[in-house]
């Protein structure tokens, strides 16, 4: 009788532990911000959290990553990417979301970390001795920066202007075209 109670107790404890683990890893994401998105609910939450980690609301530019539309930018980028690249981008997001479980600073997913812990994680990833971890950080930072700088308000704040011919190749080609008066 005692053995049966012990076995039942262990099975219930194991089931509760597995339930807690599954719940903390895969449940509790907010409703998706974008309808008809190429990104899942989890991916949208991660992109939004990473956007504000890289470009916080109280940063030097008074426009956070979310306010700059990084979620919509990232979603559009994923929608138009070839299938192989989409798969790699999803791996990048999944690795970023679950890497705190292995690398800390707290053993929970990225979207559950406090903003200061998210920054600590990104900083440690940028300096990691593991090449794959550094590459993931650089890839995510590059995608976030492209999206942030594509926002017209951010560009105005940074005094950026579009230069569609930065090396003067079109000017040089038209100058050497036949019939061009010098």
Protein backbone atom coordinates (compact mmCIF):
# COMPACT_ATOMS: atom_id res chain seq x y z
CA UNK A 1 0.00 0.00 0.00
CA UNK A 2 2.81 2.41 0.88
CA UNK A 3 4.55 1.61 -2.42
CA UNK A 4 1.40 2.46 -4.36
CA UNK A 5 1.02 5.81 -2.59
CA UNK A 6 4.68 6.58 -3.26
CA UNK A 7 4.39 5.70 -6.95
CA UNK A 8 1.20 7.75 -7.35
CA UNK A 9 2.82 10.70 -5.56
CA UNK A 10 5.90 10.50 -7.81
CA UNK A 11 3.76 10.26 -10.95
CA UNK A 12 1.68 13.26 -9.89
CA UNK A 13 4.79 15.26 -9.01
CA UNK A 14 6.36 14.38 -12.35
CA UNK A 15 3.17 15.32 -14.21
CA UNK A 16 2.98 18.63 -12.33
CA UNK A 17 6.64 19.33 -13.13
CA UNK A 18 6.15 18.58 -16.81
CA UNK A 19 3.00 20.70 -16.84
CA UNK A 20 4.84 23.60 -15.24
CA UNK A 21 7.76 23.23 -17.70
CA UNK A 22 5.50 23.12 -20.76
CA UNK A 23 3.44 26.03 -19.45
CA UNK A 24 6.43 28.22 -18.70
CA UNK A 25 8.07 27.47 -22.03
CA UNK A 26 5.21 27.46 -24.49
CA UNK A 27 2.18 29.15 -22.94
CA UNK A 28 1.43 32.66 -21.73
CA UNK A 29 2.23 34.63 -24.86
CA UNK A 30 0.14 37.75 -25.48
CA UNK A 31 -2.41 37.83 -28.27
CA UNK A 32 -0.78 38.51 -31.63
CA UNK A 33 -0.38 42.20 -32.41
CA UNK A 34 -0.61 41.57 -36.16
CA UNK A 35 -3.45 39.68 -37.84
CA UNK A 36 -2.62 37.55 -40.91
CA UNK A 37 1.01 37.56 -39.92
CA UNK A 38 3.78 35.30 -41.16
CA UNK A 39 4.98 35.24 -37.55
CA UNK A 40 3.47 33.04 -34.86
CA UNK A 41 2.21 34.44 -31.59
CA UNK A 42 5.49 33.45 -29.89
CA UNK A 43 7.59 34.98 -32.67
CA UNK A 44 5.64 38.23 -32.55
CA UNK A 45 6.17 38.47 -28.79
CA UNK A 46 9.90 37.83 -29.20
CA UNK A 47 10.32 40.39 -32.01
CA UNK A 48 8.44 43.03 -29.98
CA UNK A 49 10.55 42.33 -26.86
CA UNK A 50 13.82 42.33 -28.81
CA UNK A 51 12.80 45.53 -30.63
CA UNK A 52 12.43 47.38 -27.34
CA UNK A 53 15.58 45.78 -25.92
CA UNK A 54 17.66 47.11 -28.82
CA UNK A 55 15.75 50.41 -29.10
CA UNK A 56 14.17 51.18 -25.70
CA UNK A 57 11.41 53.75 -25.22
CA UNK A 58 13.74 55.91 -23.09
CA UNK A 59 16.67 55.69 -25.53
CA UNK A 60 18.54 58.51 -27.26
CA UNK A 61 15.97 58.52 -30.08
CA UNK A 62 12.50 59.14 -28.63
CA UNK A 63 10.96 56.27 -30.58
CA UNK A 64 11.07 52.71 -29.27
CA UNK A 65 11.53 49.67 -31.47
CA UNK A 66 7.83 48.84 -31.22
CA UNK A 67 6.82 52.43 -31.95
CA UNK A 68 9.09 52.42 -35.00
CA UNK A 69 7.12 49.48 -36.41
CA UNK A 70 9.78 46.80 -36.10
CA UNK A 71 7.20 44.05 -35.70
CA UNK A 72 5.47 44.93 -38.99
CA UNK A 73 8.85 45.38 -40.71
CA UNK A 74 10.09 41.99 -39.50
CA UNK A 75 6.81 40.34 -40.47
CA UNK A 76 7.04 41.78 -44.00
CA UNK A 77 10.65 40.68 -44.25
CA UNK A 78 9.71 37.12 -43.29
CA UNK A 79 6.72 37.08 -45.68
CA UNK A 80 8.88 38.01 -48.66
CA UNK A 81 11.91 35.87 -47.82
CA UNK A 82 12.53 32.60 -49.66
CA UNK A 83 11.46 29.46 -47.77
CA UNK A 84 15.01 28.51 -46.74
CA UNK A 85 15.71 31.95 -45.35
CA UNK A 86 12.34 31.99 -43.53
CA UNK A 87 13.31 28.72 -41.84
CA UNK A 88 16.63 30.21 -40.71
CA UNK A 89 14.91 33.34 -39.41
CA UNK A 90 12.50 31.21 -37.39
CA UNK A 91 15.47 29.30 -35.94
CA UNK A 92 17.07 32.62 -35.04
CA UNK A 93 13.92 33.70 -33.20
CA UNK A 94 13.51 30.35 -31.42
CA UNK A 95 17.17 30.34 -30.35
CA UNK A 96 16.89 33.89 -29.03
CA UNK A 97 13.66 33.08 -27.15
CA UNK A 98 14.97 29.95 -25.45
CA UNK A 99 18.69 30.72 -25.08
CA UNK A 100 18.27 32.18 -21.56
CA UNK A 101 17.35 28.68 -20.41
CA UNK A 102 20.96 27.69 -21.06
CA UNK A 103 22.91 30.95 -20.87
CA UNK A 104 20.92 32.90 -18.25
CA UNK A 105 20.91 35.47 -16.69
CA UNK A 106 17.70 33.83 -15.46
CA UNK A 107 16.56 30.45 -16.66
CA UNK A 108 13.37 31.44 -18.43
CA UNK A 109 12.50 32.48 -21.96
CA UNK A 110 13.63 35.85 -23.36
CA UNK A 111 10.12 37.34 -23.42
CA UNK A 112 9.75 36.73 -19.67
CA UNK A 113 13.00 38.43 -18.73
CA UNK A 114 12.99 41.95 -17.30
CA UNK A 115 14.35 44.57 -19.74
CA UNK A 116 17.64 44.78 -17.80
CA UNK A 117 18.05 40.99 -18.02
CA UNK A 118 17.26 41.07 -21.75
CA UNK A 119 20.06 43.59 -22.21
CA UNK A 120 22.41 41.45 -20.13
CA UNK A 121 21.59 38.42 -22.28
CA UNK A 122 22.14 40.34 -25.53
CA UNK A 123 25.40 41.77 -24.22
CA UNK A 124 26.69 38.35 -23.21
CA UNK A 125 25.64 36.93 -26.59
CA UNK A 126 27.61 39.66 -28.38
CA UNK A 127 30.76 38.66 -26.46
CA UNK A 128 30.17 34.92 -26.24
CA UNK A 129 33.01 32.49 -26.79
CA UNK A 130 30.54 30.42 -28.83
CA UNK A 131 30.63 31.52 -32.47
CA UNK A 132 27.03 30.45 -33.16
CA UNK A 133 25.77 32.59 -30.30
CA UNK A 134 27.67 35.66 -31.53
CA UNK A 135 26.35 35.14 -35.08
CA UNK A 136 22.77 34.89 -33.80
CA UNK A 137 23.21 38.14 -31.92
CA UNK A 138 24.68 39.88 -34.99
CA UNK A 139 21.92 38.57 -37.25
CA UNK A 140 19.17 39.73 -34.91
CA UNK A 141 20.82 43.10 -34.36
CA UNK A 142 21.21 43.60 -38.12
CA UNK A 143 17.56 42.80 -38.85
CA UNK A 144 16.38 45.05 -36.01
CA UNK A 145 18.63 47.90 -37.11
CA UNK A 146 17.46 47.66 -40.74
CA UNK A 147 13.86 47.90 -39.58
CA UNK A 148 14.53 50.74 -37.16
CA UNK A 149 16.40 52.83 -39.69
CA UNK A 150 13.66 52.28 -42.29
CA UNK A 151 11.24 54.28 -40.12
CA UNK A 152 10.93 57.82 -41.56
CA UNK A 153 10.69 59.46 -38.12
CA UNK A 154 13.88 57.69 -36.97
CA UNK A 155 15.61 58.72 -40.20
CA UNK A 156 14.55 62.36 -39.71
CA UNK A 157 15.74 62.32 -36.11
CA UNK A 158 19.12 60.99 -37.25
CA UNK A 159 19.27 63.50 -40.16
CA UNK A 160 19.51 60.65 -42.66
CA UNK A 161 18.62 61.21 -46.30
CA UNK A 162 18.23 58.55 -48.95
CA UNK A 163 21.02 58.34 -51.49
CA UNK A 164 20.03 55.87 -54.16
CA UNK A 165 23.36 56.30 -55.97
CA UNK A 166 25.95 56.44 -53.15
CA UNK A 167 28.92 55.67 -55.38
CA UNK A 168 27.91 57.87 -58.31
CA UNK A 169 27.65 54.90 -60.68
CA UNK A 170 24.60 56.25 -62.52
CA UNK A 171 26.16 59.70 -62.86
CA UNK A 172 29.34 58.15 -64.23
CA UNK A 173 27.41 55.94 -66.64
CA UNK A 174 25.33 58.83 -67.96
CA UNK A 175 28.44 61.05 -68.32
CA UNK A 176 30.17 58.44 -70.47
CA UNK A 177 27.07 57.69 -72.57
CA UNK A 178 27.28 58.63 -76.28
CA UNK A 179 25.85 62.04 -77.04
CA UNK A 180 26.43 63.35 -73.52
CA UNK A 181 27.83 66.87 -73.57
CA UNK A 182 30.54 67.39 -71.02
